[in-house]
Amino acid sequence: MIGQLAEARGADETTAWRQPVDLVALCRDVEEDLLGRLAAGGAGNGWSGHAELAECLLGDDPGAIVAALLAAAEAGASSADLGRALACAAALRVARFGTANEHSDWETAHHPRQRRHAEQAAWS
């Protein structure tokens, strides 16, 4: 029974992240490149593209989002800068969220904001 529970996979693990674009593969393809750019980047160099990156993170093209993250790291953004842009994007998502939505829809928009804020604080 323990083996079955440990090996169980939900639909989120098999479909939601892979249709219509395989987000897992997309992220894995650039993971080492992004980490390398962050390691070589200029932490504290004054990179200031947070607002522009936040807008891009709200987009619906995963390839463009990954490209923007890579470009930001190449331009000298640190992991804390990327976290700050992500926290800003999460705040913008909540701020732009329609007030006519159901409570559960608000929870979907609100929880990522809380998590991104905590991640940004941890990265700083």
C-alpha atoms as a PDB file:
ATOM      1  CA  MET A   1       0.000   0.000   0.000  1.00  0.00           C
ATOM      2  CA  ILE A   2       2.821   2.444   0.833  1.00  0.00           C
ATOM      3  CA  GLY A   3       4.431   1.821  -2.543  1.00  0.00           C
ATOM      4  CA  GLN A   4       1.180   2.626  -4.342  1.00  0.00           C
ATOM      5  CA  LEU A   5       0.749   5.855  -2.395  1.00  0.00           C
ATOM      6  CA  ALA A   6       4.348   6.936  -2.953  1.00  0.00           C
ATOM      7  CA  GLU A   7       4.173   6.232  -6.682  1.00  0.00           C
ATOM      8  CA  ALA A   8       0.734   7.737  -7.253  1.00  0.00           C
ATOM      9  CA  ARG A   9       0.612  10.604  -9.735  1.00  0.00           C
ATOM     10  CA  GLY A  10      -2.163  13.115 -10.167  1.00  0.00           C
ATOM     11  CA  ALA A  11      -3.426  14.640 -13.376  1.00  0.00           C
ATOM     12  CA  ASP A  12      -1.462  17.837 -12.655  1.00  0.00           C
ATOM     13  CA  GLU A  13       1.752  15.875 -12.937  1.00  0.00           C
ATOM     14  CA  THR A  14       0.877  14.342 -16.266  1.00  0.00           C
ATOM     15  CA  THR A  15      -1.185  16.879 -18.199  1.00  0.00           C
ATOM     16  CA  ALA A  16      -1.634  20.405 -16.852  1.00  0.00           C
ATOM     17  CA  TRP A  17       2.047  21.302 -17.097  1.00  0.00           C
ATOM     18  CA  ARG A  18       2.498  19.608 -20.458  1.00  0.00           C
ATOM     19  CA  GLN A  19      -0.447  20.810 -22.575  1.00  0.00           C
ATOM     20  CA  PRO A  20      -0.477  22.714 -24.869  1.00  0.00           C
ATOM     21  CA  VAL A  21       3.219  23.470 -24.153  1.00  0.00           C
ATOM     22  CA  ASP A  22       5.446  21.135 -22.163  1.00  0.00           C
ATOM     23  CA  LEU A  23       6.474  23.616 -19.471  1.00  0.00           C
ATOM     24  CA  VAL A  24       8.563  21.070 -17.598  1.00  0.00           C
ATOM     25  CA  ALA A  25      10.704  20.329 -20.658  1.00  0.00           C
ATOM     26  CA  LEU A  26      10.921  24.030 -21.508  1.00  0.00           C
ATOM     27  CA  CYS A  27      12.268  24.832 -18.035  1.00  0.00           C
ATOM     28  CA  ARG A  28      14.646  21.881 -17.960  1.00  0.00           C
ATOM     29  CA  ASP A  29      16.064  22.867 -21.362  1.00  0.00           C
ATOM     30  CA  VAL A  30      17.235  26.247 -20.031  1.00  0.00           C
ATOM     31  CA  GLU A  31      17.865  25.412 -16.375  1.00  0.00           C
ATOM     32  CA  GLU A  32      21.650  25.073 -16.589  1.00  0.00           C
ATOM     33  CA  ASP A  33      21.962  28.056 -18.931  1.00  0.00           C
ATOM     34  CA  LEU A  34      19.955  30.267 -16.579  1.00  0.00           C
ATOM     35  CA  LEU A  35      21.894  29.132 -13.513  1.00  0.00           C
ATOM     36  CA  GLY A  36      25.160  29.754 -15.346  1.00  0.00           C
ATOM     37  CA  ARG A  37      24.095  33.252 -16.355  1.00  0.00           C
ATOM     38  CA  LEU A  38      23.004  34.025 -12.800  1.00  0.00           C
ATOM     39  CA  ALA A  39      26.309  32.747 -11.405  1.00  0.00           C
ATOM     40  CA  ALA A  40      28.270  34.883 -13.891  1.00  0.00           C
ATOM     41  CA  GLY A  41      25.969  37.885 -13.507  1.00  0.00           C
ATOM     42  CA  GLY A  42      26.662  41.068 -11.678  1.00  0.00           C
ATOM     43  CA  ALA A  43      24.836  40.911  -8.375  1.00  0.00           C
ATOM     44  CA  GLY A  44      24.522  44.464  -7.221  1.00  0.00           C
ATOM     45  CA  ASN A  45      25.255  45.899 -10.659  1.00  0.00           C
ATOM     46  CA  GLY A  46      22.144  48.052 -10.649  1.00  0.00           C
ATOM     47  CA  TRP A  47      20.003  46.032 -13.079  1.00  0.00           C
ATOM     48  CA  SER A  48      16.673  47.826 -13.148  1.00  0.00           C
ATOM     49  CA  GLY A  49      14.395  45.980 -15.552  1.00  0.00           C
ATOM     50  CA  HIS A  50      12.016  44.694 -12.853  1.00  0.00           C
ATOM     51  CA  ALA A  51       8.853  46.352 -14.194  1.00  0.00           C
ATOM     52  CA  GLU A  52       9.462  45.263 -17.788  1.00  0.00           C
ATOM     53  CA  LEU A  53      10.234  41.703 -16.737  1.00  0.00           C
ATOM     54  CA  ALA A  54       7.136  41.625 -14.502  1.00  0.00           C
ATOM     55  CA  GLU A  55       4.950  42.576 -17.480  1.00  0.00           C
ATOM     56  CA  CYS A  56       6.543  39.831 -19.561  1.00  0.00           C
ATOM     57  CA  LEU A  57       5.979  37.279 -16.788  1.00  0.00           C
ATOM     58  CA  LEU A  58       2.261  38.010 -17.026  1.00  0.00           C
ATOM     59  CA  GLY A  59       2.247  37.044 -20.698  1.00  0.00           C
ATOM     60  CA  ASP A  60       0.840  33.907 -22.224  1.00  0.00           C
ATOM     61  CA  ASP A  61       3.859  32.824 -24.300  1.00  0.00           C
ATOM     62  CA  PRO A  62       6.048  30.502 -22.214  1.00  0.00           C
ATOM     63  CA  GLY A  63       8.891  30.708 -24.724  1.00  0.00           C
ATOM     64  CA  ALA A  64       8.946  34.501 -24.516  1.00  0.00           C
ATOM     65  CA  ILE A  65       8.902  34.348 -20.715  1.00  0.00           C
ATOM     66  CA  VAL A  66      11.876  31.979 -20.626  1.00  0.00           C
ATOM     67  CA  ALA A  67      13.707  34.150 -23.162  1.00  0.00           C
ATOM     68  CA  ALA A  68      13.067  37.238 -21.023  1.00  0.00           C
ATOM     69  CA  LEU A  69      14.412  35.495 -17.908  1.00  0.00           C
ATOM     70  CA  LEU A  70      17.544  34.450 -19.791  1.00  0.00           C
ATOM     71  CA  ALA A  71      17.995  37.958 -21.206  1.00  0.00           C
ATOM     72  CA  ALA A  72      17.596  39.517 -17.761  1.00  0.00           C
ATOM     73  CA  ALA A  73      20.201  37.175 -16.285  1.00  0.00           C
ATOM     74  CA  GLU A  74      22.514  37.913 -19.210  1.00  0.00           C
ATOM     75  CA  ALA A  75      22.057  41.646 -18.581  1.00  0.00           C
ATOM     76  CA  GLY A  76      23.187  41.207 -14.976  1.00  0.00           C
ATOM     77  CA  ALA A  77      19.999  40.501 -13.038  1.00  0.00           C
ATOM     78  CA  SER A  78      20.594  38.482  -9.888  1.00  0.00           C
ATOM     79  CA  SER A  79      18.290  35.777  -8.551  1.00  0.00           C
ATOM     80  CA  ALA A  80      16.971  38.406  -6.101  1.00  0.00           C
ATOM     81  CA  ASP A  81      16.162  40.662  -9.068  1.00  0.00           C
ATOM     82  CA  LEU A  82      14.247  37.846 -10.757  1.00  0.00           C
ATOM     83  CA  GLY A  83      12.401  37.188  -7.486  1.00  0.00           C
ATOM     84  CA  ARG A  84      11.528  40.862  -7.171  1.00  0.00           C
ATOM     85  CA  ALA A  85      10.157  40.937 -10.722  1.00  0.00           C
ATOM     86  CA  LEU A  86       8.147  37.780 -10.018  1.00  0.00           C
ATOM     87  CA  ALA A  87       6.714  39.265  -6.814  1.00  0.00           C
ATOM     88  CA  CYS A  88       5.803  42.408  -8.749  1.00  0.00           C
ATOM     89  CA  ALA A  89       4.077  40.328 -11.440  1.00  0.00           C
ATOM     90  CA  ALA A  90       2.088  38.450  -8.790  1.00  0.00           C
ATOM     91  CA  ALA A  91       0.994  41.748  -7.223  1.00  0.00           C
ATOM     92  CA  LEU A  92      -0.022  43.099 -10.625  1.00  0.00           C
ATOM     93  CA  ARG A  93      -2.030  39.954 -11.291  1.00  0.00           C
ATOM     94  CA  VAL A  94      -4.019  40.456  -8.103  1.00  0.00           C
ATOM     95  CA  ALA A  95      -4.432  44.198  -8.717  1.00  0.00           C
ATOM     96  CA  ARG A  96      -5.783  43.574 -12.227  1.00  0.00           C
ATOM     97  CA  PHE A  97      -8.030  40.704 -11.214  1.00  0.00           C
ATOM     98  CA  GLY A  98     -11.693  41.374 -11.891  1.00  0.00           C
ATOM     99  CA  THR A  99     -13.923  41.944  -8.866  1.00  0.00           C
ATOM    100  CA  ALA A 100     -16.799  39.938 -10.336  1.00  0.00           C
ATOM    101  CA  ASN A 101     -14.979  36.627  -9.929  1.00  0.00           C
ATOM    102  CA  GLU A 102     -15.942  33.883  -7.495  1.00  0.00           C
ATOM    103  CA  HIS A 103     -14.134  33.554  -4.152  1.00  0.00           C
ATOM    104  CA  SER A 104     -12.230  30.452  -5.296  1.00  0.00           C
ATOM    105  CA  ASP A 105     -10.938  32.401  -8.302  1.00  0.00           C
ATOM    106  CA  TRP A 106      -9.590  35.039  -5.934  1.00  0.00           C
ATOM    107  CA  GLU A 107      -7.805  32.367  -3.931  1.00  0.00           C
ATOM    108  CA  THR A 108      -6.155  31.139  -7.131  1.00  0.00           C
ATOM    109  CA  ALA A 109      -4.835  34.638  -7.808  1.00  0.00           C
ATOM    110  CA  HIS A 110      -4.001  35.515  -4.192  1.00  0.00           C
ATOM    111  CA  HIS A 111      -1.962  32.499  -3.066  1.00  0.00           C
ATOM    112  CA  PRO A 112       0.756  32.851  -5.734  1.00  0.00           C
ATOM    113  CA  ARG A 113       1.213  36.479  -4.612  1.00  0.00           C
ATOM    114  CA  GLN A 114       1.854  35.390  -1.035  1.00  0.00           C
ATOM    115  CA  ARG A 115       4.272  32.706  -2.134  1.00  0.00           C
ATOM    116  CA  ARG A 116       6.176  35.024  -4.500  1.00  0.00           C
ATOM    117  CA  HIS A 117       6.508  37.622  -1.768  1.00  0.00           C
ATOM    118  CA  ALA A 118       7.995  35.022   0.561  1.00  0.00           C
ATOM    119  CA  GLU A 119      10.346  33.750  -2.164  1.00  0.00           C
ATOM    120  CA  GLN A 120      11.480  37.265  -3.001  1.00  0.00           C
ATOM    121  CA  ALA A 121      12.212  37.939   0.661  1.00  0.00           C
ATOM    122  CA  ALA A 122      14.186  34.705   0.894  1.00  0.00           C
ATOM    123  CA  TRP A 123      16.231  35.502  -2.228  1.00  0.00           C
ATOM    124  CA  SER A 124      17.105  38.997  -1.027  1.00  0.00           C
END
